[in-house]
Amino acid sequence: MIKPRVDKLLDRADSHYAAVLVAAKRARQLNSYYRALGEGSYEEFTPPMVDTPSGNYLTIALEEFAAGKIRYQYRA
């Protein structure tokens, strides 16, 4: 079972494609944050914005998106 549910994600995005792109980009940012944290450098990377028991970066990104912590807009 996928958590958060897809219908909660689609409330925040206008298509499945947009939700996937936003979550993938945020998961890469979380990966960079934890890598920099392990190396002892604190750069411009944003830490996780939700409390979750999961250690999977994509799951954390999806939960942030479902909670409304992440917004996106299309470039013109």
C-alpha atoms as a PDB file:
ATOM      1  CA  MET A   1       0.000   0.000   0.000  1.00  0.00           C
ATOM      2  CA  ILE A   2       1.291   3.413  -0.964  1.00  0.00           C
ATOM      3  CA  LYS A   3       1.352   6.053   1.745  1.00  0.00           C
ATOM      4  CA  PRO A   4       0.348   8.786   1.309  1.00  0.00           C
ATOM      5  CA  ARG A   5      -2.515   7.808  -0.941  1.00  0.00           C
ATOM      6  CA  VAL A   6      -2.440   8.900  -4.560  1.00  0.00           C
ATOM      7  CA  ASP A   7      -5.717  10.811  -4.251  1.00  0.00           C
ATOM      8  CA  LYS A   8      -4.152  13.027  -1.552  1.00  0.00           C
ATOM      9  CA  LEU A   9      -1.257  13.749  -3.885  1.00  0.00           C
ATOM     10  CA  LEU A  10      -3.548  14.606  -6.780  1.00  0.00           C
ATOM     11  CA  ASP A  11      -5.311  17.184  -4.585  1.00  0.00           C
ATOM     12  CA  ARG A  12      -2.013  19.091  -4.595  1.00  0.00           C
ATOM     13  CA  ALA A  13      -0.999  18.447  -8.228  1.00  0.00           C
ATOM     14  CA  ASP A  14      -2.817  18.681 -11.507  1.00  0.00           C
ATOM     15  CA  SER A  15      -1.439  15.404 -12.877  1.00  0.00           C
ATOM     16  CA  HIS A  16       0.416  12.262 -11.865  1.00  0.00           C
ATOM     17  CA  TYR A  17       3.377  13.480 -13.896  1.00  0.00           C
ATOM     18  CA  ALA A  18       3.669  16.718 -11.910  1.00  0.00           C
ATOM     19  CA  ALA A  19       3.468  14.852  -8.582  1.00  0.00           C
ATOM     20  CA  VAL A  20       6.216  12.464  -9.660  1.00  0.00           C
ATOM     21  CA  LEU A  21       8.495  15.276 -10.824  1.00  0.00           C
ATOM     22  CA  VAL A  22       8.055  17.293  -7.641  1.00  0.00           C
ATOM     23  CA  ALA A  23       8.610  14.276  -5.375  1.00  0.00           C
ATOM     24  CA  ALA A  24      11.667  13.100  -7.322  1.00  0.00           C
ATOM     25  CA  LYS A  25      13.292  16.526  -7.189  1.00  0.00           C
ATOM     26  CA  ARG A  26      12.634  16.828  -3.449  1.00  0.00           C
ATOM     27  CA  ALA A  27      13.972  13.303  -2.842  1.00  0.00           C
ATOM     28  CA  ARG A  28      17.226  14.304  -4.570  1.00  0.00           C
ATOM     29  CA  GLN A  29      17.409  17.392  -2.346  1.00  0.00           C
ATOM     30  CA  LEU A  30      16.932  15.229   0.764  1.00  0.00           C
ATOM     31  CA  ASN A  31      19.644  12.862  -0.443  1.00  0.00           C
ATOM     32  CA  SER A  32      22.023  15.819  -0.853  1.00  0.00           C
ATOM     33  CA  TYR A  33      21.085  17.107   2.602  1.00  0.00           C
ATOM     34  CA  TYR A  34      21.868  13.810   4.336  1.00  0.00           C
ATOM     35  CA  ARG A  35      25.081  13.367   2.351  1.00  0.00           C
ATOM     36  CA  ALA A  36      26.269  16.871   3.325  1.00  0.00           C
ATOM     37  CA  LEU A  37      25.231  16.207   6.924  1.00  0.00           C
ATOM     38  CA  GLY A  38      27.350  13.035   6.974  1.00  0.00           C
ATOM     39  CA  GLU A  39      30.336  14.946   5.619  1.00  0.00           C
ATOM     40  CA  GLY A  40      29.968  17.611   8.282  1.00  0.00           C
ATOM     41  CA  SER A  41      29.105  20.475   5.955  1.00  0.00           C
ATOM     42  CA  TYR A  42      25.903  22.428   6.332  1.00  0.00           C
ATOM     43  CA  GLU A  43      25.133  23.987   2.999  1.00  0.00           C
ATOM     44  CA  GLU A  44      21.925  25.286   1.452  1.00  0.00           C
ATOM     45  CA  PHE A  45      20.067  21.973   1.631  1.00  0.00           C
ATOM     46  CA  THR A  46      16.697  21.986   3.415  1.00  0.00           C
ATOM     47  CA  PRO A  47      16.101  19.299   6.071  1.00  0.00           C
ATOM     48  CA  PRO A  48      12.908  17.210   6.071  1.00  0.00           C
ATOM     49  CA  MET A  49       9.830  19.326   6.812  1.00  0.00           C
ATOM     50  CA  VAL A  50       7.648  16.536   8.278  1.00  0.00           C
ATOM     51  CA  ASP A  51       8.189  14.047  11.079  1.00  0.00           C
ATOM     52  CA  THR A  52       8.099  10.529   9.720  1.00  0.00           C
ATOM     53  CA  PRO A  53       9.415   7.152  10.827  1.00  0.00           C
ATOM     54  CA  SER A  54      10.488   6.374   7.265  1.00  0.00           C
ATOM     55  CA  GLY A  55      14.086   6.712   6.169  1.00  0.00           C
ATOM     56  CA  ASN A  56      13.235   6.512   2.487  1.00  0.00           C
ATOM     57  CA  TYR A  57      13.812   9.869   0.815  1.00  0.00           C
ATOM     58  CA  LEU A  58      11.036   9.407  -1.740  1.00  0.00           C
ATOM     59  CA  THR A  59       8.516   8.546   0.979  1.00  0.00           C
ATOM     60  CA  ILE A  60       9.536  11.626   2.945  1.00  0.00           C
ATOM     61  CA  ALA A  61       9.161  13.762  -0.186  1.00  0.00           C
ATOM     62  CA  LEU A  62       5.709  12.337  -0.923  1.00  0.00           C
ATOM     63  CA  GLU A  63       4.584  12.981   2.665  1.00  0.00           C
ATOM     64  CA  GLU A  64       5.848  16.571   2.463  1.00  0.00           C
ATOM     65  CA  PHE A  65       3.969  17.067  -0.795  1.00  0.00           C
ATOM     66  CA  ALA A  66       0.748  15.576   0.603  1.00  0.00           C
ATOM     67  CA  ALA A  67       1.030  17.808   3.696  1.00  0.00           C
ATOM     68  CA  GLY A  68       1.281  20.908   1.512  1.00  0.00           C
ATOM     69  CA  LYS A  69       4.843  21.763   2.518  1.00  0.00           C
ATOM     70  CA  ILE A  70       6.010  21.760  -1.112  1.00  0.00           C
ATOM     71  CA  ARG A  71       4.588  23.958  -3.838  1.00  0.00           C
ATOM     72  CA  TYR A  72       5.453  24.082  -7.490  1.00  0.00           C
ATOM     73  CA  GLN A  73       4.717  26.117 -10.569  1.00  0.00           C
ATOM     74  CA  TYR A  74       5.379  25.607 -14.230  1.00  0.00           C
ATOM     75  CA  ARG A  75       7.939  27.751 -15.964  1.00  0.00           C
ATOM     76  CA  ALA A  76       6.636  29.690 -18.904  1.00  0.00           C
END
